[in-house]
Amino acid sequence: MQTDPYTGPAPAVEPIMEVDEERSAWRNHRTRLLILGGVIALAVAYMVYAAFPGNTLYFVTVSEFTEDPQLRDGQTLRVAGALAPDTFRREDGSTISRFSLGDKQPDVPGIAPGSPQVEATYVGVLPDLFFNPHSEIILEGHYDGQEGVFATDNILVKCPSKYQSMQAENPDLVPGAAAPPQSY
């Protein structure tokens, strides 16, 4: 062994086995990092998939719902239609509502003549435009076969076009014009 007067003894030459061990350890860490990255990517993908199942629900019309018995098996789905006239009931002081929904006519208020109807229940506060005859109502929930009603978890109301509804009810009015004077 040689000694250097300035630095002390010369370092021993590392055997080739130690260099190979360092390389395999580095590869081992790299493999672990890749596996960890893959697991994290799969976990994030699963969380994204699990977070949005409600947004992938398609809605069916009242006619499609009444004609297809497979839709009444308790699965969560959306049913679209319009409020049937004179079917809304709620006991005083209660938030439990019972009503019927029928197929909505395009660009005309109310339900289509001869449309089948589905009875529905909802517990909670109803949206503002629920009673507007021009609104399209989308019920999200499931069919309760024992009660024979559609148990609604959530209600969505598509806003009607203000100008179409005014023109449909009163074709003489021009959008933005003042209403005709009323005689008393």
N, C-alpha and C. Protein backbone atom coordinates (compact mmCIF):
# COMPACT_ATOMS: atom_id res chain seq x y z
N MET A 1 0.83 -1.16 0.00
CA MET A 1 0.00 0.00 0.00
C MET A 1 0.89 1.23 0.00
N GLN A 2 0.60 2.13 -0.89
CA GLN A 2 1.39 3.34 -0.99
C GLN A 2 0.72 4.45 -0.20
N THR A 3 1.54 5.31 0.31
CA THR A 3 1.00 6.44 1.04
C THR A 3 1.45 7.70 0.35
N ASP A 4 0.59 8.63 0.34
CA ASP A 4 0.86 9.93 -0.24
C ASP A 4 1.12 10.87 0.94
N PRO A 5 2.24 11.59 0.93
CA PRO A 5 2.54 12.42 2.11
C PRO A 5 1.51 13.51 2.34
N TYR A 6 0.77 13.91 1.31
CA TYR A 6 -0.18 15.00 1.48
C TYR A 6 -1.59 14.52 1.83
N THR A 7 -2.02 13.39 1.32
CA THR A 7 -3.40 12.94 1.52
C THR A 7 -3.50 11.69 2.36
N GLY A 8 -2.49 11.10 2.68
CA GLY A 8 -2.54 9.88 3.47
C GLY A 8 -2.48 8.68 2.57
N PRO A 9 -2.99 7.55 3.08
CA PRO A 9 -2.91 6.33 2.28
C PRO A 9 -3.77 6.41 1.02
N ALA A 10 -3.34 5.77 -0.05
CA ALA A 10 -4.09 5.75 -1.31
C ALA A 10 -5.33 4.89 -1.12
N PRO A 11 -6.44 5.28 -1.73
CA PRO A 11 -7.66 4.49 -1.57
C PRO A 11 -7.52 3.15 -2.28
N ALA A 12 -8.13 2.19 -1.64
CA ALA A 12 -8.10 0.86 -2.23
C ALA A 12 -9.03 0.83 -3.43
N VAL A 13 -8.70 0.04 -4.41
CA VAL A 13 -9.53 -0.09 -5.60
C VAL A 13 -10.72 -0.95 -5.23
N GLU A 14 -11.93 -0.43 -5.59
CA GLU A 14 -13.15 -1.17 -5.25
C GLU A 14 -13.24 -2.40 -6.13
N PRO A 15 -13.61 -3.48 -5.53
CA PRO A 15 -13.79 -4.67 -6.37
C PRO A 15 -14.97 -4.48 -7.32
N ILE A 16 -14.96 -5.20 -8.40
CA ILE A 16 -16.00 -5.09 -9.42
C ILE A 16 -17.35 -5.50 -8.86
N MET A 17 -17.41 -6.38 -7.90
CA MET A 17 -18.68 -6.83 -7.32
C MET A 17 -19.41 -5.68 -6.66
N GLU A 18 -18.71 -4.78 -5.96
CA GLU A 18 -19.37 -3.67 -5.30
C GLU A 18 -19.99 -2.72 -6.32
N VAL A 19 -19.35 -2.48 -7.44
CA VAL A 19 -19.89 -1.62 -8.49
C VAL A 19 -21.16 -2.25 -9.06
N ASP A 20 -21.16 -3.55 -9.30
CA ASP A 20 -22.34 -4.24 -9.79
C ASP A 20 -23.48 -4.16 -8.79
N GLU A 21 -23.17 -4.28 -7.51
CA GLU A 21 -24.20 -4.18 -6.48
C GLU A 21 -24.82 -2.78 -6.47
N GLU A 22 -23.99 -1.74 -6.64
CA GLU A 22 -24.52 -0.38 -6.68
C GLU A 22 -25.43 -0.19 -7.88
N ARG A 23 -25.03 -0.73 -9.02
CA ARG A 23 -25.86 -0.61 -10.23
C ARG A 23 -27.18 -1.35 -10.06
N SER A 24 -27.15 -2.54 -9.50
CA SER A 24 -28.39 -3.29 -9.30
C SER A 24 -29.27 -2.61 -8.26
N ALA A 25 -28.67 -1.99 -7.25
CA ALA A 25 -29.45 -1.26 -6.26
C ALA A 25 -30.12 -0.06 -6.92
N TRP A 26 -29.39 0.63 -7.81
CA TRP A 26 -29.98 1.77 -8.51
C TRP A 26 -31.13 1.32 -9.39
N ARG A 27 -30.96 0.20 -10.10
CA ARG A 27 -32.04 -0.34 -10.93
C ARG A 27 -33.21 -0.76 -10.07
N ASN A 28 -32.95 -1.31 -8.93
CA ASN A 28 -33.99 -1.73 -8.02
C ASN A 28 -34.81 -0.51 -7.55
N HIS A 29 -34.14 0.59 -7.23
CA HIS A 29 -34.85 1.81 -6.83
C HIS A 29 -35.67 2.37 -8.00
N ARG A 30 -35.10 2.29 -9.19
CA ARG A 30 -35.81 2.79 -10.37
C ARG A 30 -37.05 1.94 -10.63
N THR A 31 -36.94 0.63 -10.48
CA THR A 31 -38.08 -0.26 -10.65
C THR A 31 -39.15 0.05 -9.62
N ARG A 32 -38.74 0.25 -8.39
CA ARG A 32 -39.70 0.59 -7.33
C ARG A 32 -40.42 1.91 -7.65
N LEU A 33 -39.68 2.88 -8.14
CA LEU A 33 -40.27 4.17 -8.48
C LEU A 33 -41.27 4.03 -9.62
N LEU A 34 -40.95 3.23 -10.63
CA LEU A 34 -41.88 3.01 -11.73
C LEU A 34 -43.15 2.30 -11.26
N ILE A 35 -42.99 1.31 -10.41
CA ILE A 35 -44.16 0.59 -9.89
C ILE A 35 -45.02 1.53 -9.05
N LEU A 36 -44.39 2.33 -8.21
CA LEU A 36 -45.13 3.29 -7.39
C LEU A 36 -45.87 4.30 -8.27
N GLY A 37 -45.21 4.79 -9.31
CA GLY A 37 -45.86 5.72 -10.23
C GLY A 37 -47.06 5.09 -10.93
N GLY A 38 -46.94 3.83 -11.32
CA GLY A 38 -48.05 3.12 -11.96
C GLY A 38 -49.22 2.94 -11.02
N VAL A 39 -48.94 2.59 -9.76
CA VAL A 39 -50.01 2.41 -8.77
C VAL A 39 -50.73 3.74 -8.53
N ILE A 40 -49.97 4.82 -8.43
CA ILE A 40 -50.58 6.14 -8.21
C ILE A 40 -51.44 6.53 -9.41
N ALA A 41 -50.96 6.28 -10.62
CA ALA A 41 -51.73 6.60 -11.82
C ALA A 41 -53.03 5.79 -11.87
N LEU A 42 -52.98 4.52 -11.53
CA LEU A 42 -54.20 3.69 -11.50
C LEU A 42 -55.17 4.18 -10.43
N ALA A 43 -54.65 4.57 -9.26
CA ALA A 43 -55.52 5.06 -8.19
C ALA A 43 -56.21 6.35 -8.60
N VAL A 44 -55.48 7.26 -9.24
CA VAL A 44 -56.09 8.51 -9.69
C VAL A 44 -57.14 8.23 -10.77
N ALA A 45 -56.85 7.34 -11.70
CA ALA A 45 -57.81 7.00 -12.75
C ALA A 45 -59.08 6.40 -12.15
N TYR A 46 -58.94 5.54 -11.15
CA TYR A 46 -60.11 4.95 -10.51
C TYR A 46 -60.93 6.02 -9.79
N MET A 47 -60.27 6.95 -9.10
CA MET A 47 -61.00 8.00 -8.39
C MET A 47 -61.77 8.89 -9.36
N VAL A 48 -61.18 9.19 -10.50
CA VAL A 48 -61.88 9.99 -11.50
C VAL A 48 -63.08 9.22 -12.03
N TYR A 49 -62.93 7.95 -12.30
CA TYR A 49 -64.03 7.11 -12.78
C TYR A 49 -65.13 7.01 -11.74
N ALA A 50 -64.77 6.81 -10.48
CA ALA A 50 -65.76 6.65 -9.41
C ALA A 50 -66.46 7.96 -9.07
N ALA A 51 -65.82 9.08 -9.33
CA ALA A 51 -66.39 10.37 -8.95
C ALA A 51 -67.48 10.83 -9.91
N PHE A 52 -67.52 10.34 -11.12
CA PHE A 52 -68.45 10.87 -12.11
C PHE A 52 -69.49 9.90 -12.65
N PRO A 53 -69.94 8.89 -11.92
CA PRO A 53 -70.93 8.01 -12.52
C PRO A 53 -72.29 8.68 -12.70
N GLY A 54 -72.63 9.63 -11.80
CA GLY A 54 -73.89 10.32 -11.91
C GLY A 54 -73.97 11.23 -13.11
N ASN A 55 -72.87 11.70 -13.59
CA ASN A 55 -72.86 12.58 -14.74
C ASN A 55 -72.99 11.82 -16.04
N THR A 56 -72.84 10.52 -16.03
CA THR A 56 -72.94 9.75 -17.25
C THR A 56 -74.32 9.14 -17.43
N LEU A 57 -75.27 9.51 -16.57
CA LEU A 57 -76.62 8.99 -16.71
C LEU A 57 -77.34 9.70 -17.85
N TYR A 58 -77.89 8.94 -18.75
CA TYR A 58 -78.70 9.51 -19.80
C TYR A 58 -80.13 9.59 -19.29
N PHE A 59 -80.94 10.46 -19.88
CA PHE A 59 -82.32 10.49 -19.44
C PHE A 59 -83.21 9.88 -20.51
N VAL A 60 -84.32 9.34 -20.05
CA VAL A 60 -85.31 8.75 -20.93
C VAL A 60 -86.59 9.57 -20.81
N THR A 61 -87.43 9.51 -21.81
CA THR A 61 -88.72 10.19 -21.74
C THR A 61 -89.68 9.34 -20.91
N VAL A 62 -90.80 9.92 -20.56
CA VAL A 62 -91.80 9.18 -19.79
C VAL A 62 -92.30 7.98 -20.58
N SER A 63 -92.52 8.15 -21.89
CA SER A 63 -92.98 7.03 -22.73
C SER A 63 -91.97 5.89 -22.74
N GLU A 64 -90.68 6.22 -22.89
CA GLU A 64 -89.65 5.18 -22.89
C GLU A 64 -89.61 4.47 -21.54
N PHE A 65 -89.79 5.22 -20.46
CA PHE A 65 -89.76 4.64 -19.12
C PHE A 65 -90.94 3.68 -18.91
N THR A 66 -92.14 4.08 -19.34
CA THR A 66 -93.31 3.22 -19.12
C THR A 66 -93.33 2.00 -20.05
N GLU A 67 -92.71 2.11 -21.23
CA GLU A 67 -92.73 1.01 -22.19
C GLU A 67 -91.66 -0.04 -21.92
N ASP A 68 -90.58 0.30 -21.24
CA ASP A 68 -89.46 -0.62 -21.03
C ASP A 68 -89.42 -1.09 -19.58
N PRO A 69 -89.85 -2.33 -19.31
CA PRO A 69 -89.86 -2.81 -17.93
C PRO A 69 -88.46 -2.96 -17.32
N GLN A 70 -87.42 -3.05 -18.15
CA GLN A 70 -86.07 -3.17 -17.62
C GLN A 70 -85.63 -1.89 -16.92
N LEU A 71 -86.23 -0.77 -17.27
CA LEU A 71 -85.88 0.50 -16.63
C LEU A 71 -86.49 0.63 -15.23
N ARG A 72 -87.42 -0.24 -14.92
CA ARG A 72 -88.09 -0.18 -13.61
C ARG A 72 -87.55 -1.23 -12.65
N ASP A 73 -86.27 -1.56 -12.76
CA ASP A 73 -85.69 -2.59 -11.89
C ASP A 73 -84.95 -2.01 -10.69
N GLY A 74 -85.12 -0.73 -10.41
CA GLY A 74 -84.48 -0.12 -9.25
C GLY A 74 -83.18 0.57 -9.55
N GLN A 75 -82.74 0.58 -10.80
CA GLN A 75 -81.49 1.25 -11.15
C GLN A 75 -81.69 2.76 -11.14
N THR A 76 -80.63 3.49 -10.91
CA THR A 76 -80.69 4.95 -10.91
C THR A 76 -80.72 5.45 -12.34
N LEU A 77 -81.68 6.30 -12.65
CA LEU A 77 -81.78 6.86 -13.98
C LEU A 77 -82.47 8.21 -13.93
N ARG A 78 -82.54 8.86 -15.06
CA ARG A 78 -83.20 10.17 -15.18
C ARG A 78 -84.37 10.04 -16.14
N VAL A 79 -85.50 10.63 -15.72
CA VAL A 79 -86.70 10.63 -16.55
C VAL A 79 -87.06 12.08 -16.82
N ALA A 80 -87.26 12.42 -18.11
CA ALA A 80 -87.57 13.79 -18.50
C ALA A 80 -89.00 13.91 -18.96
N GLY A 81 -89.62 15.02 -18.60
CA GLY A 81 -91.00 15.29 -19.02
C GLY A 81 -91.46 16.63 -18.51
N ALA A 82 -92.77 16.80 -18.42
CA ALA A 82 -93.37 18.03 -17.92
C ALA A 82 -94.39 17.66 -16.84
N LEU A 83 -94.63 18.60 -15.95
CA LEU A 83 -95.59 18.39 -14.87
C LEU A 83 -96.98 18.28 -15.45
N ALA A 84 -97.68 17.19 -15.10
CA ALA A 84 -99.06 17.01 -15.55
C ALA A 84 -99.95 17.95 -14.75
N PRO A 85 -100.90 18.61 -15.42
CA PRO A 85 -101.75 19.58 -14.72
C PRO A 85 -102.57 18.93 -13.61
N ASP A 86 -102.71 19.65 -12.53
CA ASP A 86 -103.56 19.27 -11.39
C ASP A 86 -103.15 17.95 -10.73
N THR A 87 -101.86 17.60 -10.78
CA THR A 87 -101.42 16.35 -10.14
C THR A 87 -100.54 16.61 -8.94
N PHE A 88 -100.12 17.84 -8.71
CA PHE A 88 -99.20 18.13 -7.61
C PHE A 88 -99.97 18.14 -6.29
N ARG A 89 -99.43 17.38 -5.30
CA ARG A 89 -100.03 17.31 -3.97
C ARG A 89 -98.92 17.37 -2.93
N ARG A 90 -99.20 18.13 -1.86
CA ARG A 90 -98.28 18.20 -0.72
C ARG A 90 -99.12 18.53 0.51
N GLU A 91 -98.88 17.77 1.57
CA GLU A 91 -99.60 18.07 2.81
C GLU A 91 -99.03 19.33 3.43
N ASP A 92 -99.88 20.08 4.13
CA ASP A 92 -99.44 21.32 4.77
C ASP A 92 -98.31 21.05 5.75
N GLY A 93 -97.26 21.86 5.67
CA GLY A 93 -96.12 21.74 6.59
C GLY A 93 -95.18 20.60 6.26
N SER A 94 -95.38 19.91 5.18
CA SER A 94 -94.54 18.78 4.81
C SER A 94 -93.67 19.14 3.61
N THR A 95 -92.56 18.46 3.46
CA THR A 95 -91.71 18.65 2.28
C THR A 95 -91.84 17.47 1.33
N ILE A 96 -92.77 16.57 1.59
CA ILE A 96 -92.98 15.41 0.72
C ILE A 96 -93.98 15.80 -0.37
N SER A 97 -93.55 15.71 -1.61
CA SER A 97 -94.38 16.09 -2.76
C SER A 97 -94.71 14.84 -3.56
N ARG A 98 -95.92 14.82 -4.09
CA ARG A 98 -96.36 13.76 -5.02
C ARG A 98 -96.90 14.47 -6.26
N PHE A 99 -96.52 13.99 -7.42
CA PHE A 99 -96.94 14.60 -8.67
C PHE A 99 -96.77 13.60 -9.79
N SER A 100 -97.28 13.94 -10.95
CA SER A 100 -97.15 13.09 -12.13
C SER A 100 -96.41 13.86 -13.22
N LEU A 101 -95.68 13.11 -14.00
CA LEU A 101 -94.91 13.66 -15.11
C LEU A 101 -95.38 13.00 -16.39
N GLY A 102 -95.50 13.77 -17.46
CA GLY A 102 -95.86 13.25 -18.77
C GLY A 102 -94.85 13.73 -19.80
N ASP A 103 -94.97 13.24 -21.03
CA ASP A 103 -94.08 13.67 -22.11
C ASP A 103 -94.35 15.13 -22.45
N LYS A 104 -93.27 15.90 -22.59
CA LYS A 104 -93.39 17.32 -22.93
C LYS A 104 -93.48 17.49 -24.43
N GLN A 105 -94.38 18.38 -24.84
CA GLN A 105 -94.47 18.73 -26.25
C GLN A 105 -93.39 19.76 -26.56
N PRO A 106 -92.73 19.66 -27.70
CA PRO A 106 -91.73 20.67 -28.05
C PRO A 106 -92.38 22.02 -28.32
N ASP A 107 -91.82 23.07 -27.72
CA ASP A 107 -92.24 24.46 -27.94
C ASP A 107 -93.69 24.76 -27.57
N VAL A 108 -94.34 23.89 -26.83
CA VAL A 108 -95.71 24.12 -26.39
C VAL A 108 -95.77 23.80 -24.90
N PRO A 109 -96.46 24.64 -24.13
CA PRO A 109 -96.52 24.36 -22.69
C PRO A 109 -97.35 23.12 -22.39
N GLY A 110 -97.00 22.45 -21.30
CA GLY A 110 -97.76 21.29 -20.84
C GLY A 110 -97.28 19.98 -21.43
N ILE A 111 -98.11 18.95 -21.18
CA ILE A 111 -97.74 17.61 -21.66
C ILE A 111 -98.46 17.30 -22.96
N ALA A 112 -97.93 16.33 -23.69
CA ALA A 112 -98.51 15.93 -24.97
C ALA A 112 -99.84 15.21 -24.72
N PRO A 113 -100.84 15.44 -25.57
CA PRO A 113 -102.11 14.75 -25.39
C PRO A 113 -101.94 13.24 -25.52
N GLY A 114 -102.56 12.50 -24.63
CA GLY A 114 -102.48 11.05 -24.65
C GLY A 114 -101.17 10.50 -24.13
N SER A 115 -100.35 11.35 -23.56
CA SER A 115 -99.04 10.91 -23.04
C SER A 115 -99.22 10.04 -21.81
N PRO A 116 -98.44 8.97 -21.70
CA PRO A 116 -98.47 8.22 -20.45
C PRO A 116 -97.88 9.08 -19.34
N GLN A 117 -98.26 8.76 -18.11
CA GLN A 117 -97.77 9.53 -16.98
C GLN A 117 -97.12 8.59 -15.98
N VAL A 118 -96.14 9.12 -15.27
CA VAL A 118 -95.48 8.37 -14.21
C VAL A 118 -95.65 9.16 -12.92
N GLU A 119 -96.09 8.48 -11.88
CA GLU A 119 -96.26 9.11 -10.57
C GLU A 119 -94.90 9.17 -9.90
N ALA A 120 -94.61 10.30 -9.26
CA ALA A 120 -93.30 10.49 -8.64
C ALA A 120 -93.46 11.12 -7.26
N THR A 121 -92.44 10.88 -6.42
CA THR A 121 -92.38 11.52 -5.10
C THR A 121 -91.04 12.20 -4.96
N TYR A 122 -91.03 13.26 -4.15
CA TYR A 122 -89.80 13.99 -3.89
C TYR A 122 -89.88 14.57 -2.49
N VAL A 123 -88.79 14.48 -1.75
CA VAL A 123 -88.70 15.07 -0.42
C VAL A 123 -87.69 16.19 -0.50
N GLY A 124 -88.16 17.42 -0.26
CA GLY A 124 -87.27 18.57 -0.30
C GLY A 124 -87.92 19.78 -0.92
N VAL A 125 -87.12 20.82 -1.07
CA VAL A 125 -87.58 22.07 -1.67
C VAL A 125 -87.52 21.95 -3.18
N LEU A 126 -88.59 22.34 -3.84
CA LEU A 126 -88.65 22.25 -5.30
C LEU A 126 -87.97 23.44 -5.95
N PRO A 127 -87.39 23.25 -7.15
CA PRO A 127 -86.76 24.37 -7.87
C PRO A 127 -87.79 25.44 -8.23
N ASP A 128 -87.33 26.65 -8.46
CA ASP A 128 -88.20 27.79 -8.74
C ASP A 128 -89.09 27.57 -9.97
N LEU A 129 -88.54 27.05 -11.04
CA LEU A 129 -89.29 26.92 -12.29
C LEU A 129 -90.05 25.60 -12.41
N PHE A 130 -90.21 24.89 -11.32
CA PHE A 130 -90.87 23.58 -11.35
C PHE A 130 -92.29 23.69 -11.89
N PHE A 131 -93.02 24.74 -11.53
CA PHE A 131 -94.43 24.86 -11.90
C PHE A 131 -94.64 25.62 -13.22
N ASN A 132 -93.58 26.07 -13.86
CA ASN A 132 -93.69 26.76 -15.14
C ASN A 132 -94.09 25.74 -16.20
N PRO A 133 -95.19 25.96 -16.92
CA PRO A 133 -95.65 24.97 -17.91
C PRO A 133 -94.69 24.80 -19.09
N HIS A 134 -93.76 25.73 -19.28
CA HIS A 134 -92.80 25.64 -20.38
C HIS A 134 -91.54 24.87 -19.99
N SER A 135 -91.35 24.61 -18.71
CA SER A 135 -90.13 23.97 -18.23
C SER A 135 -90.14 22.48 -18.52
N GLU A 136 -88.96 21.97 -18.79
CA GLU A 136 -88.77 20.52 -18.88
C GLU A 136 -88.16 20.06 -17.56
N ILE A 137 -88.78 19.08 -16.95
CA ILE A 137 -88.35 18.59 -15.64
C ILE A 137 -87.63 17.26 -15.83
N ILE A 138 -86.49 17.13 -15.19
CA ILE A 138 -85.72 15.89 -15.25
C ILE A 138 -85.61 15.35 -13.83
N LEU A 139 -86.18 14.19 -13.61
CA LEU A 139 -86.14 13.54 -12.30
C LEU A 139 -85.00 12.54 -12.27
N GLU A 140 -84.20 12.59 -11.23
CA GLU A 140 -83.11 11.62 -11.06
C GLU A 140 -83.44 10.77 -9.85
N GLY A 141 -83.49 9.47 -10.04
CA GLY A 141 -83.83 8.57 -8.93
C GLY A 141 -84.01 7.16 -9.43
N HIS A 142 -84.93 6.43 -8.77
CA HIS A 142 -85.18 5.04 -9.14
C HIS A 142 -86.67 4.73 -8.96
N TYR A 143 -87.11 3.68 -9.63
CA TYR A 143 -88.51 3.27 -9.53
C TYR A 143 -88.67 2.37 -8.32
N ASP A 144 -89.62 2.71 -7.47
CA ASP A 144 -89.94 1.91 -6.29
C ASP A 144 -91.12 1.02 -6.64
N GLY A 145 -90.86 -0.25 -6.92
CA GLY A 145 -91.90 -1.18 -7.35
C GLY A 145 -92.95 -1.46 -6.30
N GLN A 146 -92.59 -1.42 -5.02
CA GLN A 146 -93.56 -1.67 -3.95
C GLN A 146 -94.59 -0.54 -3.87
N GLU A 147 -94.14 0.69 -3.98
CA GLU A 147 -95.05 1.84 -3.91
C GLU A 147 -95.65 2.16 -5.28
N GLY A 148 -95.00 1.73 -6.34
CA GLY A 148 -95.47 2.02 -7.69
C GLY A 148 -95.22 3.46 -8.10
N VAL A 149 -94.17 4.07 -7.54
CA VAL A 149 -93.84 5.46 -7.86
C VAL A 149 -92.35 5.58 -8.17
N PHE A 150 -92.00 6.67 -8.83
CA PHE A 150 -90.61 6.99 -9.10
C PHE A 150 -90.10 7.80 -7.93
N ALA A 151 -89.20 7.24 -7.14
CA ALA A 151 -88.63 7.92 -5.97
C ALA A 151 -87.51 8.83 -6.44
N THR A 152 -87.74 10.13 -6.35
CA THR A 152 -86.83 11.12 -6.89
C THR A 152 -85.82 11.55 -5.84
N ASP A 153 -84.54 11.50 -6.19
CA ASP A 153 -83.47 11.99 -5.31
C ASP A 153 -83.09 13.42 -5.64
N ASN A 154 -83.21 13.80 -6.92
CA ASN A 154 -82.78 15.11 -7.37
C ASN A 154 -83.68 15.55 -8.52
N ILE A 155 -84.01 16.85 -8.56
CA ILE A 155 -84.82 17.39 -9.65
C ILE A 155 -84.02 18.46 -10.37
N LEU A 156 -83.94 18.32 -11.68
CA LEU A 156 -83.32 19.33 -12.54
C LEU A 156 -84.41 19.95 -13.39
N VAL A 157 -84.38 21.26 -13.56
CA VAL A 157 -85.38 21.94 -14.38
C VAL A 157 -84.64 22.69 -15.48
N LYS A 158 -84.97 22.35 -16.72
CA LYS A 158 -84.40 23.07 -17.86
C LYS A 158 -85.21 24.34 -18.02
N CYS A 159 -84.52 25.46 -18.03
CA CYS A 159 -85.19 26.75 -18.14
C CYS A 159 -85.77 26.91 -19.54
N PRO A 160 -87.01 27.39 -19.61
CA PRO A 160 -87.58 27.66 -20.93
C PRO A 160 -87.03 28.96 -21.47
N SER A 161 -87.10 29.11 -22.77
CA SER A 161 -86.70 30.37 -23.37
C SER A 161 -87.79 31.40 -23.07
N LYS A 162 -87.42 32.52 -22.50
CA LYS A 162 -88.41 33.52 -22.09
C LYS A 162 -89.21 34.04 -23.28
N TYR A 163 -88.53 34.27 -24.38
CA TYR A 163 -89.22 34.86 -25.52
C TYR A 163 -90.14 33.86 -26.20
N GLN A 164 -89.75 32.63 -26.29
CA GLN A 164 -90.63 31.62 -26.88
C GLN A 164 -91.88 31.46 -26.05
N SER A 165 -91.74 31.43 -24.73
CA SER A 165 -92.92 31.21 -23.89
C SER A 165 -93.87 32.40 -23.99
N MET A 166 -93.34 33.62 -24.06
CA MET A 166 -94.21 34.79 -24.19
C MET A 166 -94.92 34.77 -25.54
N GLN A 167 -94.23 34.42 -26.60
CA GLN A 167 -94.84 34.41 -27.92
C GLN A 167 -95.85 33.27 -28.04
N ALA A 168 -95.58 32.12 -27.43
CA ALA A 168 -96.51 31.00 -27.51
C ALA A 168 -97.82 31.33 -26.81
N GLU A 169 -97.74 32.02 -25.68
CA GLU A 169 -98.95 32.36 -24.94
C GLU A 169 -99.66 33.55 -25.55
N ASN A 170 -98.90 34.50 -26.09
CA ASN A 170 -99.47 35.73 -26.58
C ASN A 170 -98.76 36.14 -27.87
N PRO A 171 -99.14 35.64 -29.02
CA PRO A 171 -98.41 35.91 -30.26
C PRO A 171 -98.44 37.38 -30.67
N ASP A 172 -99.38 38.19 -30.12
CA ASP A 172 -99.46 39.60 -30.47
C ASP A 172 -98.37 40.42 -29.83
N LEU A 173 -97.77 39.90 -28.74
CA LEU A 173 -96.72 40.64 -28.05
C LEU A 173 -95.40 40.48 -28.79
N VAL A 174 -94.68 41.55 -28.88
CA VAL A 174 -93.35 41.54 -29.46
C VAL A 174 -92.36 41.52 -28.30
N PRO A 175 -91.34 40.65 -28.33
CA PRO A 175 -90.38 40.64 -27.21
C PRO A 175 -89.79 42.02 -26.95
N GLY A 176 -89.83 42.42 -25.70
CA GLY A 176 -89.27 43.71 -25.32
C GLY A 176 -90.28 44.84 -25.37
N ALA A 177 -91.43 44.63 -25.99
CA ALA A 177 -92.44 45.67 -26.08
C ALA A 177 -93.26 45.69 -24.79
N ALA A 178 -93.84 46.80 -24.49
CA ALA A 178 -94.68 46.92 -23.30
C ALA A 178 -95.97 46.15 -23.51
N ALA A 179 -96.51 45.64 -22.44
CA ALA A 179 -97.76 44.90 -22.51
C ALA A 179 -98.89 45.85 -22.88
N PRO A 180 -99.92 45.35 -23.59
CA PRO A 180 -101.03 46.22 -23.96
C PRO A 180 -101.76 46.71 -22.71
N PRO A 181 -102.30 47.92 -22.74
CA PRO A 181 -102.99 48.43 -21.57
C PRO A 181 -104.22 47.59 -21.27
N GLN A 182 -104.47 47.44 -19.98
CA GLN A 182 -105.63 46.66 -19.54
C GLN A 182 -106.78 47.61 -19.23
N SER A 183 -107.96 47.22 -19.61
CA SER A 183 -109.12 48.06 -19.29
C SER A 183 -109.74 47.53 -18.00
N TYR A 184 -110.23 48.45 -17.18
CA TYR A 184 -110.80 48.06 -15.89
C TYR A 184 -112.28 48.17 -15.92
